[in-house]
Amino acid sequence: MSTLAVTVDNLIKDYGSQSALKGVSLEVNQGELFGIIGPDGAGKTTLIRILATLLLSDAGQAEVLGMEVEGHYRQIRNRMGYMPGRFSLYQDLTVLENLQLFASIYQTTVEENYHLIKDIYQQLEPFKNRKAGNLSGGMKQKLALSCAMIHEPEILFLDEPTTGVDPVSRNEFWEMLIKLKARGITVLVSTPYMDEADLCDRVALMQEGLILSVDTPVAIISRFPSKLFAIKSADKYQLINDLQAYPSTASVFAFGEYLHYTDKSTQSPEQELHHYLRDQGHRDIHIKSIEPTIEDCFMAFMQKEH
């Protein structure tokens, strides 16, 4: 039996003259919490919709649970759960009515499969008679996950489930995903939030319909090609202009109050940088060596592609 839950081989999808997927290939292991990380327009939603049998590709092949998605969509739908990026449950039905409806679609009941959603649904139960449209963003996502889980799926496809959700609800949602993964359920989740990559077993960094890298977050970070520095001064706008004009600059990007900088030189550039910035009239100059994050790696991959 294959240990792969998802296999994607050279998947292509165009919308008119716009290419959403440009030959995407990846594999997801059974029981893995796998993240597709990328900004809006990267192709994440298109990829998940194809895997969830909701969209046809133009070329390439995709398999879910060992079955080709176009020829076996009915069987796949019975064995998967899906959460779209936009809340799509019935807003005029109550929490319980939505859950009962989805259970009946899969010819089961809430009572029969309550154990599957207990950890998630217990937080919703005090509001079971509230209409879904009146729930908070975090509660809506928990209800959508409960509905996706009620028929005991083997794999979950979650399209940006934490977008627009407050930080506390984001953390709670990821804790639930980690528990589902511990029960042997394969979870494939897309997100634009780079910090969520660290919560996945492996991630695919995606941009403009291309996969930039697939690996564990630790492995991706370990391959960051240069020493990284955080730099700030009293005038951030002038600082980025002066660093972009500095002949030894390899890359410079804004990250909060600091700029993240890499240098073409393999030597330690701190002293030369400090002298250069002081000569440009900068005050309160701070330069420190830092460890890269997934976001730094993503920016490096993007720069390499361009």
C-alpha atoms as a PDB file:
ATOM      1  CA  MET A   1       0.000   0.000   0.000  1.00  0.00           C
ATOM      2  CA  SER A   2       1.259   3.488  -0.876  1.00  0.00           C
ATOM      3  CA  THR A   3       2.343   5.735   1.989  1.00  0.00           C
ATOM      4  CA  LEU A   4       1.439   8.783  -0.097  1.00  0.00           C
ATOM      5  CA  ALA A   5      -1.857  10.581   0.519  1.00  0.00           C
ATOM      6  CA  VAL A   6      -1.413  13.078  -2.342  1.00  0.00           C
ATOM      7  CA  THR A   7       0.629  12.939  -5.526  1.00  0.00           C
ATOM      8  CA  VAL A   8       0.773  15.902  -7.899  1.00  0.00           C
ATOM      9  CA  ASP A   9       2.719  15.652 -11.151  1.00  0.00           C
ATOM     10  CA  ASN A  10       3.282  18.649 -13.454  1.00  0.00           C
ATOM     11  CA  LEU A  11      -0.143  20.169 -12.797  1.00  0.00           C
ATOM     12  CA  ILE A  12      -1.111  23.076 -15.088  1.00  0.00           C
ATOM     13  CA  LYS A  13      -4.158  25.320 -14.844  1.00  0.00           C
ATOM     14  CA  ASP A  14      -4.881  28.486 -16.818  1.00  0.00           C
ATOM     15  CA  TYR A  15      -7.699  31.021 -16.530  1.00  0.00           C
ATOM     16  CA  GLY A  16      -7.712  32.513 -19.997  1.00  0.00           C
ATOM     17  CA  SER A  17      -4.332  34.187 -20.468  1.00  0.00           C
ATOM     18  CA  GLN A  18      -3.547  33.953 -16.730  1.00  0.00           C
ATOM     19  CA  SER A  19      -1.561  30.912 -15.553  1.00  0.00           C
ATOM     20  CA  ALA A  20      -2.544  29.805 -12.030  1.00  0.00           C
ATOM     21  CA  LEU A  21      -0.423  26.628 -11.932  1.00  0.00           C
ATOM     22  CA  LYS A  22       2.732  26.286 -14.029  1.00  0.00           C
ATOM     23  CA  GLY A  23       3.733  22.641 -13.730  1.00  0.00           C
ATOM     24  CA  VAL A  24       3.297  22.013  -9.999  1.00  0.00           C
ATOM     25  CA  SER A  25       4.621  18.739  -8.570  1.00  0.00           C
ATOM     26  CA  LEU A  26       4.638  17.564  -4.949  1.00  0.00           C
ATOM     27  CA  GLU A  27       3.898  14.623  -2.671  1.00  0.00           C
ATOM     28  CA  VAL A  28       2.153  14.527   0.706  1.00  0.00           C
ATOM     29  CA  ASN A  29       2.677  11.571   3.043  1.00  0.00           C
ATOM     30  CA  GLN A  30      -0.165   9.854   4.862  1.00  0.00           C
ATOM     31  CA  GLY A  31      -0.664  11.257   8.338  1.00  0.00           C
ATOM     32  CA  GLU A  32       1.308  14.393   7.536  1.00  0.00           C
ATOM     33  CA  LEU A  33       0.449  18.000   8.396  1.00  0.00           C
ATOM     34  CA  PHE A  34       1.506  19.653   5.153  1.00  0.00           C
ATOM     35  CA  GLY A  35       1.435  23.388   4.501  1.00  0.00           C
ATOM     36  CA  ILE A  36       1.197  25.264   1.202  1.00  0.00           C
ATOM     37  CA  ILE A  37       2.666  28.659   2.015  1.00  0.00           C
ATOM     38  CA  GLY A  38       2.414  31.669  -0.259  1.00  0.00           C
ATOM     39  CA  PRO A  39       0.862  35.106  -0.797  1.00  0.00           C
ATOM     40  CA  ASP A  40      -2.434  35.867  -2.526  1.00  0.00           C
ATOM     41  CA  GLY A  41      -2.292  34.884  -6.191  1.00  0.00           C
ATOM     42  CA  ALA A  42       0.307  32.162  -5.650  1.00  0.00           C
ATOM     43  CA  GLY A  43      -2.054  29.396  -6.870  1.00  0.00           C
ATOM     44  CA  LYS A  44      -2.810  27.811  -3.484  1.00  0.00           C
ATOM     45  CA  THR A  45      -6.611  27.848  -3.821  1.00  0.00           C
ATOM     46  CA  THR A  46      -6.512  26.504  -7.386  1.00  0.00           C
ATOM     47  CA  LEU A  47      -4.292  23.612  -6.302  1.00  0.00           C
ATOM     48  CA  ILE A  48      -6.513  22.695  -3.344  1.00  0.00           C
ATOM     49  CA  ARG A  49      -9.689  22.894  -5.440  1.00  0.00           C
ATOM     50  CA  ILE A  50      -8.209  20.477  -7.973  1.00  0.00           C
ATOM     51  CA  LEU A  51      -7.199  18.059  -5.208  1.00  0.00           C
ATOM     52  CA  ALA A  52     -10.664  18.385  -3.657  1.00  0.00           C
ATOM     53  CA  THR A  53     -12.196  17.376  -7.049  1.00  0.00           C
ATOM     54  CA  LEU A  54     -13.896  20.763  -7.468  1.00  0.00           C
ATOM     55  CA  LEU A  55     -11.845  21.971 -10.418  1.00  0.00           C
ATOM     56  CA  LEU A  56     -10.340  20.302 -13.484  1.00  0.00           C
ATOM     57  CA  SER A  57      -6.711  20.860 -14.414  1.00  0.00           C
ATOM     58  CA  ASP A  58      -5.619  21.612 -17.978  1.00  0.00           C
ATOM     59  CA  ALA A  59      -2.679  19.203 -17.896  1.00  0.00           C
ATOM     60  CA  GLY A  60      -0.762  16.998 -15.496  1.00  0.00           C
ATOM     61  CA  GLN A  61      -1.985  14.431 -13.001  1.00  0.00           C
ATOM     62  CA  ALA A  62      -3.161  14.436  -9.399  1.00  0.00           C
ATOM     63  CA  GLU A  63      -3.974  11.527  -7.099  1.00  0.00           C
ATOM     64  CA  VAL A  64      -5.618  11.568  -3.673  1.00  0.00           C
ATOM     65  CA  LEU A  65      -5.504   8.446  -1.487  1.00  0.00           C
ATOM     66  CA  GLY A  66      -4.178   6.517  -4.483  1.00  0.00           C
ATOM     67  CA  MET A  67      -7.058   7.543  -6.759  1.00  0.00           C
ATOM     68  CA  GLU A  68      -6.862   9.831  -9.784  1.00  0.00           C
ATOM     69  CA  VAL A  69      -8.965  12.905  -9.005  1.00  0.00           C
ATOM     70  CA  GLU A  70     -10.921  13.193 -12.260  1.00  0.00           C
ATOM     71  CA  GLY A  71     -11.898   9.542 -12.619  1.00  0.00           C
ATOM     72  CA  HIS A  72     -12.627   8.802  -8.950  1.00  0.00           C
ATOM     73  CA  TYR A  73     -14.051  12.051  -7.623  1.00  0.00           C
ATOM     74  CA  ARG A  74     -17.054  10.394  -5.972  1.00  0.00           C
ATOM     75  CA  GLN A  75     -14.908   7.972  -3.977  1.00  0.00           C
ATOM     76  CA  ILE A  76     -12.482  10.737  -2.981  1.00  0.00           C
ATOM     77  CA  ARG A  77     -15.290  13.031  -1.785  1.00  0.00           C
ATOM     78  CA  ASN A  78     -16.567  10.298   0.530  1.00  0.00           C
ATOM     79  CA  ARG A  79     -13.143   9.993   2.139  1.00  0.00           C
ATOM     80  CA  MET A  80     -12.082  13.639   2.379  1.00  0.00           C
ATOM     81  CA  GLY A  81     -13.057  16.780   4.270  1.00  0.00           C
ATOM     82  CA  TYR A  82     -12.861  20.247   2.723  1.00  0.00           C
ATOM     83  CA  MET A  83     -12.931  23.779   4.110  1.00  0.00           C
ATOM     84  CA  PRO A  84     -13.011  26.563   1.495  1.00  0.00           C
ATOM     85  CA  GLY A  85     -11.348  29.890   2.130  1.00  0.00           C
ATOM     86  CA  ARG A  86     -14.680  31.691   2.469  1.00  0.00           C
ATOM     87  CA  PHE A  87     -17.231  30.604   5.079  1.00  0.00           C
ATOM     88  CA  SER A  88     -19.752  28.619   3.039  1.00  0.00           C
ATOM     89  CA  LEU A  89     -22.103  27.023   5.548  1.00  0.00           C
ATOM     90  CA  TYR A  90     -25.771  27.991   5.780  1.00  0.00           C
ATOM     91  CA  GLN A  91     -25.804  31.246   7.730  1.00  0.00           C
ATOM     92  CA  ASP A  92     -29.539  31.118   8.449  1.00  0.00           C
ATOM     93  CA  LEU A  93     -29.273  27.645  10.020  1.00  0.00           C
ATOM     94  CA  THR A  94     -28.101  27.169  13.590  1.00  0.00           C
ATOM     95  CA  VAL A  95     -24.798  25.592  14.552  1.00  0.00           C
ATOM     96  CA  LEU A  96     -26.484  22.264  15.303  1.00  0.00           C
ATOM     97  CA  GLU A  97     -28.648  22.357  12.164  1.00  0.00           C
ATOM     98  CA  ASN A  98     -25.582  22.857   9.957  1.00  0.00           C
ATOM     99  CA  LEU A  99     -23.841  19.945  11.623  1.00  0.00           C
ATOM    100  CA  GLN A 100     -26.903  17.693  11.318  1.00  0.00           C
ATOM    101  CA  LEU A 101     -27.248  18.588   7.643  1.00  0.00           C
ATOM    102  CA  PHE A 102     -23.663  17.627   6.828  1.00  0.00           C
ATOM    103  CA  ALA A 103     -23.969  14.408   8.836  1.00  0.00           C
ATOM    104  CA  SER A 104     -27.100  13.452   6.889  1.00  0.00           C
ATOM    105  CA  ILE A 105     -25.387  14.132   3.544  1.00  0.00           C
ATOM    106  CA  TYR A 106     -22.821  11.482   4.479  1.00  0.00           C
ATOM    107  CA  GLN A 107     -25.537   9.166   5.813  1.00  0.00           C
ATOM    108  CA  THR A 108     -24.468   9.383   9.429  1.00  0.00           C
ATOM    109  CA  THR A 109     -25.588  11.300  12.530  1.00  0.00           C
ATOM    110  CA  VAL A 110     -24.010  13.770  14.925  1.00  0.00           C
ATOM    111  CA  GLU A 111     -24.561  11.322  17.795  1.00  0.00           C
ATOM    112  CA  GLU A 112     -22.875   8.450  15.944  1.00  0.00           C
ATOM    113  CA  ASN A 113     -19.734  10.424  15.127  1.00  0.00           C
ATOM    114  CA  TYR A 114     -19.696  12.866  18.033  1.00  0.00           C
ATOM    115  CA  HIS A 115     -16.389  11.413  19.242  1.00  0.00           C
ATOM    116  CA  LEU A 116     -14.736  12.630  16.008  1.00  0.00           C
ATOM    117  CA  ILE A 117     -15.549  16.282  16.640  1.00  0.00           C
ATOM    118  CA  LYS A 118     -15.819  16.350  20.439  1.00  0.00           C
ATOM    119  CA  ASP A 119     -12.633  18.391  21.050  1.00  0.00           C
ATOM    120  CA  ILE A 120     -13.705  21.011  18.503  1.00  0.00           C
ATOM    121  CA  TYR A 121     -17.474  21.006  19.005  1.00  0.00           C
ATOM    122  CA  GLN A 122     -17.370  21.309  22.812  1.00  0.00           C
ATOM    123  CA  GLN A 123     -16.322  24.948  22.352  1.00  0.00           C
ATOM    124  CA  LEU A 124     -19.342  25.493  20.064  1.00  0.00           C
ATOM    125  CA  GLU A 125     -21.939  23.543  22.033  1.00  0.00           C
ATOM    126  CA  PRO A 126     -23.005  26.479  24.262  1.00  0.00           C
ATOM    127  CA  PHE A 127     -23.958  28.263  21.024  1.00  0.00           C
ATOM    128  CA  LYS A 128     -25.565  25.302  19.236  1.00  0.00           C
ATOM    129  CA  ASN A 129     -28.865  27.166  18.779  1.00  0.00           C
ATOM    130  CA  ARG A 130     -27.235  30.341  17.454  1.00  0.00           C
ATOM    131  CA  LYS A 131     -27.447  30.988  13.709  1.00  0.00           C
ATOM    132  CA  ALA A 132     -24.131  30.385  11.971  1.00  0.00           C
ATOM    133  CA  GLY A 133     -24.191  33.865  10.456  1.00  0.00           C
ATOM    134  CA  ASN A 134     -24.064  35.374  13.955  1.00  0.00           C
ATOM    135  CA  LEU A 135     -20.893  33.554  15.047  1.00  0.00           C
ATOM    136  CA  SER A 136     -17.497  35.201  15.385  1.00  0.00           C
ATOM    137  CA  GLY A 137     -14.834  34.459  12.770  1.00  0.00           C
ATOM    138  CA  GLY A 138     -13.066  31.936  14.992  1.00  0.00           C
ATOM    139  CA  MET A 139     -16.293  30.138  15.875  1.00  0.00           C
ATOM    140  CA  LYS A 140     -17.299  29.974  12.212  1.00  0.00           C
ATOM    141  CA  GLN A 141     -14.011  28.230  11.403  1.00  0.00           C
ATOM    142  CA  LYS A 142     -14.532  25.717  14.212  1.00  0.00           C
ATOM    143  CA  LEU A 143     -18.034  24.973  12.928  1.00  0.00           C
ATOM    144  CA  ALA A 144     -16.716  24.550   9.373  1.00  0.00           C
ATOM    145  CA  LEU A 145     -14.025  22.158  10.634  1.00  0.00           C
ATOM    146  CA  SER A 146     -16.620  20.183  12.618  1.00  0.00           C
ATOM    147  CA  CYS A 147     -18.770  19.839   9.484  1.00  0.00           C
ATOM    148  CA  ALA A 148     -15.738  18.729   7.461  1.00  0.00           C
ATOM    149  CA  MET A 149     -14.879  16.099  10.109  1.00  0.00           C
ATOM    150  CA  ILE A 150     -18.341  14.645  10.851  1.00  0.00           C
ATOM    151  CA  HIS A 151     -18.005  11.734   8.380  1.00  0.00           C
ATOM    152  CA  GLU A 152     -14.521  10.638   9.590  1.00  0.00           C
ATOM    153  CA  PRO A 153     -12.430  11.691   6.571  1.00  0.00           C
ATOM    154  CA  GLU A 154      -8.970  10.281   5.930  1.00  0.00           C
ATOM    155  CA  ILE A 155      -7.671  13.572   4.551  1.00  0.00           C
ATOM    156  CA  LEU A 156      -8.542  17.235   5.130  1.00  0.00           C
ATOM    157  CA  PHE A 157      -8.092  20.033   2.593  1.00  0.00           C
ATOM    158  CA  LEU A 158      -8.156  23.436   4.303  1.00  0.00           C
ATOM    159  CA  ASP A 159      -7.904  26.574   2.176  1.00  0.00           C
ATOM    160  CA  GLU A 160      -6.547  29.501   4.222  1.00  0.00           C
ATOM    161  CA  PRO A 161      -8.600  28.551   7.306  1.00  0.00           C
ATOM    162  CA  THR A 162      -7.080  31.241   9.563  1.00  0.00           C
ATOM    163  CA  THR A 163      -7.203  34.239   7.215  1.00  0.00           C
ATOM    164  CA  GLY A 164      -8.991  37.129   8.907  1.00  0.00           C
ATOM    165  CA  VAL A 165      -9.173  35.284  12.234  1.00  0.00           C
ATOM    166  CA  ASP A 166      -7.842  36.866  15.436  1.00  0.00           C
ATOM    167  CA  PRO A 167      -4.458  35.615  16.788  1.00  0.00           C
ATOM    168  CA  VAL A 168      -5.973  33.672  19.706  1.00  0.00           C
ATOM    169  CA  SER A 169      -8.391  31.805  17.411  1.00  0.00           C
ATOM    170  CA  ARG A 170      -5.535  31.165  14.960  1.00  0.00           C
ATOM    171  CA  ASN A 171      -3.524  29.461  17.712  1.00  0.00           C
ATOM    172  CA  GLU A 172      -6.530  27.429  18.870  1.00  0.00           C
ATOM    173  CA  PHE A 173      -7.244  26.314  15.300  1.00  0.00           C
ATOM    174  CA  TRP A 174      -3.677  25.102  14.771  1.00  0.00           C
ATOM    175  CA  GLU A 175      -3.775  23.232  18.068  1.00  0.00           C
ATOM    176  CA  MET A 176      -6.844  21.408  16.730  1.00  0.00           C
ATOM    177  CA  LEU A 177      -5.058  20.563  13.459  1.00  0.00           C
ATOM    178  CA  ILE A 178      -2.092  19.140  15.364  1.00  0.00           C
ATOM    179  CA  LYS A 179      -4.486  16.930  17.370  1.00  0.00           C
ATOM    180  CA  LEU A 180      -6.144  15.720  14.159  1.00  0.00           C
ATOM    181  CA  LYS A 181      -2.741  14.883  12.706  1.00  0.00           C
ATOM    182  CA  ALA A 182      -1.939  12.899  15.881  1.00  0.00           C
ATOM    183  CA  ARG A 183      -5.035  10.773  15.138  1.00  0.00           C
ATOM    184  CA  GLY A 184      -3.534   9.786  11.779  1.00  0.00           C
ATOM    185  CA  ILE A 185      -5.547  12.170   9.598  1.00  0.00           C
ATOM    186  CA  THR A 186      -3.638  13.733   6.709  1.00  0.00           C
ATOM    187  CA  VAL A 187      -4.015  17.518   6.769  1.00  0.00           C
ATOM    188  CA  LEU A 188      -3.156  19.706   3.793  1.00  0.00           C
ATOM    189  CA  VAL A 189      -3.552  23.380   4.666  1.00  0.00           C
ATOM    190  CA  SER A 190      -2.807  26.548   2.713  1.00  0.00           C
ATOM    191  CA  THR A 191      -1.929  29.835   4.371  1.00  0.00           C
ATOM    192  CA  PRO A 192      -0.421  33.224   3.522  1.00  0.00           C
ATOM    193  CA  TYR A 193       1.022  33.471   7.056  1.00  0.00           C
ATOM    194  CA  MET A 194       4.700  32.549   6.967  1.00  0.00           C
ATOM    195  CA  ASP A 195       4.873  32.027  10.742  1.00  0.00           C
ATOM    196  CA  GLU A 196       2.420  29.116  10.446  1.00  0.00           C
ATOM    197  CA  ALA A 197       4.983  27.167   8.403  1.00  0.00           C
ATOM    198  CA  ASP A 198       6.799  26.205  11.615  1.00  0.00           C
ATOM    199  CA  LEU A 199       3.683  24.304  12.753  1.00  0.00           C
ATOM    200  CA  CYS A 200       3.771  21.956   9.729  1.00  0.00           C
ATOM    201  CA  ASP A 201       5.736  18.734   9.241  1.00  0.00           C
ATOM    202  CA  ARG A 202       6.688  19.896   5.754  1.00  0.00           C
ATOM    203  CA  VAL A 203       5.810  22.879   3.597  1.00  0.00           C
ATOM    204  CA  ALA A 204       5.707  23.855  -0.055  1.00  0.00           C
ATOM    205  CA  LEU A 205       6.664  27.480  -0.652  1.00  0.00           C
ATOM    206  CA  MET A 206       4.557  28.690  -3.584  1.00  0.00           C
ATOM    207  CA  GLN A 207       4.598  31.845  -5.710  1.00  0.00           C
ATOM    208  CA  GLU A 208       3.028  32.760  -9.067  1.00  0.00           C
ATOM    209  CA  GLY A 209       1.948  29.184  -9.813  1.00  0.00           C
ATOM    210  CA  LEU A 210       5.339  27.657  -9.046  1.00  0.00           C
ATOM    211  CA  ILE A 211       6.679  25.567  -6.165  1.00  0.00           C
ATOM    212  CA  LEU A 212       9.853  27.258  -4.919  1.00  0.00           C
ATOM    213  CA  SER A 213      10.829  24.599  -2.376  1.00  0.00           C
ATOM    214  CA  VAL A 214       9.383  21.567  -0.568  1.00  0.00           C
ATOM    215  CA  ASP A 215      10.928  20.408   2.707  1.00  0.00           C
ATOM    216  CA  THR A 216      10.691  20.641   6.475  1.00  0.00           C
ATOM    217  CA  PRO A 217      10.803  24.216   7.795  1.00  0.00           C
ATOM    218  CA  VAL A 218      14.098  23.467   9.573  1.00  0.00           C
ATOM    219  CA  ALA A 219      15.700  22.107   6.401  1.00  0.00           C
ATOM    220  CA  ILE A 220      14.564  25.085   4.312  1.00  0.00           C
ATOM    221  CA  ILE A 221      15.972  27.533   6.855  1.00  0.00           C
ATOM    222  CA  SER A 222      19.252  25.606   7.092  1.00  0.00           C
ATOM    223  CA  ARG A 223      19.832  26.204   3.367  1.00  0.00           C
ATOM    224  CA  PHE A 224      19.563  29.978   3.599  1.00  0.00           C
ATOM    225  CA  PRO A 225      22.465  31.016   1.374  1.00  0.00           C
ATOM    226  CA  SER A 226      23.958  33.995   3.248  1.00  0.00           C
ATOM    227  CA  LYS A 227      24.634  35.483   6.638  1.00  0.00           C
ATOM    228  CA  LEU A 228      21.654  37.638   7.597  1.00  0.00           C
ATOM    229  CA  PHE A 229      21.701  40.992   9.375  1.00  0.00           C
ATOM    230  CA  ALA A 230      18.997  43.179  10.906  1.00  0.00           C
ATOM    231  CA  ILE A 231      19.683  46.886  10.427  1.00  0.00           C
ATOM    232  CA  LYS A 232      17.894  50.004  11.583  1.00  0.00           C
ATOM    233  CA  SER A 233      18.583  53.717  11.923  1.00  0.00           C
ATOM    234  CA  ALA A 234      16.684  56.899  12.755  1.00  0.00           C
ATOM    235  CA  ASP A 235      15.515  57.308   9.121  1.00  0.00           C
ATOM    236  CA  LYS A 236      14.136  53.993   7.799  1.00  0.00           C
ATOM    237  CA  TYR A 237      13.104  55.331   4.383  1.00  0.00           C
ATOM    238  CA  GLN A 238      16.553  56.771   3.695  1.00  0.00           C
ATOM    239  CA  LEU A 239      18.147  53.626   5.108  1.00  0.00           C
ATOM    240  CA  ILE A 240      16.521  51.323   2.563  1.00  0.00           C
ATOM    241  CA  ASN A 241      17.458  53.692  -0.281  1.00  0.00           C
ATOM    242  CA  ASP A 242      21.087  53.904   0.851  1.00  0.00           C
ATOM    243  CA  LEU A 243      21.384  50.140   1.343  1.00  0.00           C
ATOM    244  CA  GLN A 244      19.921  49.495  -2.110  1.00  0.00           C
ATOM    245  CA  ALA A 245      22.578  51.821  -3.523  1.00  0.00           C
ATOM    246  CA  TYR A 246      25.422  50.188  -1.562  1.00  0.00           C
ATOM    247  CA  PRO A 247      27.610  48.214  -4.040  1.00  0.00           C
ATOM    248  CA  SER A 248      28.014  45.210  -1.727  1.00  0.00           C
ATOM    249  CA  THR A 249      24.287  44.701  -1.059  1.00  0.00           C
ATOM    250  CA  ALA A 250      22.915  41.312  -2.120  1.00  0.00           C
ATOM    251  CA  SER A 251      19.370  41.845  -0.768  1.00  0.00           C
ATOM    252  CA  VAL A 252      17.487  44.184   1.527  1.00  0.00           C
ATOM    253  CA  PHE A 253      13.866  43.837   2.650  1.00  0.00           C
ATOM    254  CA  ALA A 254      11.741  45.591   5.263  1.00  0.00           C
ATOM    255  CA  PHE A 255      10.783  43.463   8.286  1.00  0.00           C
ATOM    256  CA  GLY A 256       9.001  45.549  10.913  1.00  0.00           C
ATOM    257  CA  GLU A 257      11.253  48.208  12.415  1.00  0.00           C
ATOM    258  CA  TYR A 258      14.372  46.549  10.935  1.00  0.00           C
ATOM    259  CA  LEU A 259      15.655  45.890   7.435  1.00  0.00           C
ATOM    260  CA  HIS A 260      16.897  42.358   6.730  1.00  0.00           C
ATOM    261  CA  TYR A 261      20.145  42.550   4.790  1.00  0.00           C
ATOM    262  CA  THR A 262      22.519  40.138   3.052  1.00  0.00           C
ATOM    263  CA  ASP A 263      25.910  41.086   1.671  1.00  0.00           C
ATOM    264  CA  LYS A 264      27.773  39.896  -1.437  1.00  0.00           C
ATOM    265  CA  SER A 265      30.938  39.568   0.630  1.00  0.00           C
ATOM    266  CA  THR A 266      31.666  36.382   2.544  1.00  0.00           C
ATOM    267  CA  GLN A 267      33.494  38.450   5.171  1.00  0.00           C
ATOM    268  CA  SER A 268      31.772  40.105   8.142  1.00  0.00           C
ATOM    269  CA  PRO A 269      30.518  43.399   6.704  1.00  0.00           C
ATOM    270  CA  GLU A 270      29.306  45.101   9.892  1.00  0.00           C
ATOM    271  CA  GLN A 271      32.163  47.601  10.268  1.00  0.00           C
ATOM    272  CA  GLU A 272      32.171  48.662   6.595  1.00  0.00           C
ATOM    273  CA  LEU A 273      28.365  48.980   6.631  1.00  0.00           C
ATOM    274  CA  HIS A 274      28.436  51.094   9.757  1.00  0.00           C
ATOM    275  CA  HIS A 275      31.035  53.436   8.238  1.00  0.00           C
ATOM    276  CA  TYR A 276      29.068  53.698   4.988  1.00  0.00           C
ATOM    277  CA  LEU A 277      25.777  54.493   6.725  1.00  0.00           C
ATOM    278  CA  ARG A 278      27.424  57.018   9.030  1.00  0.00           C
ATOM    279  CA  ASP A 279      28.933  58.736   5.981  1.00  0.00           C
ATOM    280  CA  GLN A 280      25.412  58.934   4.490  1.00  0.00           C
ATOM    281  CA  GLY A 281      24.298  60.877   7.549  1.00  0.00           C
ATOM    282  CA  HIS A 282      22.480  58.122   9.456  1.00  0.00           C
ATOM    283  CA  ARG A 283      22.088  58.278  13.228  1.00  0.00           C
ATOM    284  CA  ASP A 284      21.254  55.595  15.823  1.00  0.00           C
ATOM    285  CA  ILE A 285      22.613  52.832  13.594  1.00  0.00           C
ATOM    286  CA  HIS A 286      22.040  49.275  14.831  1.00  0.00           C
ATOM    287  CA  ILE A 287      23.447  46.244  12.981  1.00  0.00           C
ATOM    288  CA  LYS A 288      23.106  42.714  14.363  1.00  0.00           C
ATOM    289  CA  SER A 289      23.461  39.193  12.999  1.00  0.00           C
ATOM    290  CA  ILE A 290      20.201  37.182  13.111  1.00  0.00           C
ATOM    291  CA  GLU A 291      18.880  33.733  12.231  1.00  0.00           C
ATOM    292  CA  PRO A 292      16.701  33.572   9.082  1.00  0.00           C
ATOM    293  CA  THR A 293      13.001  32.710   9.159  1.00  0.00           C
ATOM    294  CA  ILE A 294      10.818  30.985   6.580  1.00  0.00           C
ATOM    295  CA  GLU A 295       9.840  34.433   5.327  1.00  0.00           C
ATOM    296  CA  ASP A 296      13.502  35.313   4.736  1.00  0.00           C
ATOM    297  CA  CYS A 297      13.907  32.057   2.809  1.00  0.00           C
ATOM    298  CA  PHE A 298      10.786  32.792   0.767  1.00  0.00           C
ATOM    299  CA  MET A 299      12.127  36.222  -0.192  1.00  0.00           C
ATOM    300  CA  ALA A 300      15.476  34.658  -1.149  1.00  0.00           C
ATOM    301  CA  PHE A 301      13.747  32.089  -3.382  1.00  0.00           C
ATOM    302  CA  MET A 302      11.654  34.810  -5.012  1.00  0.00           C
ATOM    303  CA  GLN A 303      14.744  36.899  -5.690  1.00  0.00           C
ATOM    304  CA  LYS A 304      16.458  33.886  -7.248  1.00  0.00           C
ATOM    305  CA  GLU A 305      13.441  33.156  -9.488  1.00  0.00           C
ATOM    306  CA  HIS A 306      13.324  36.729 -10.719  1.00  0.00           C
END
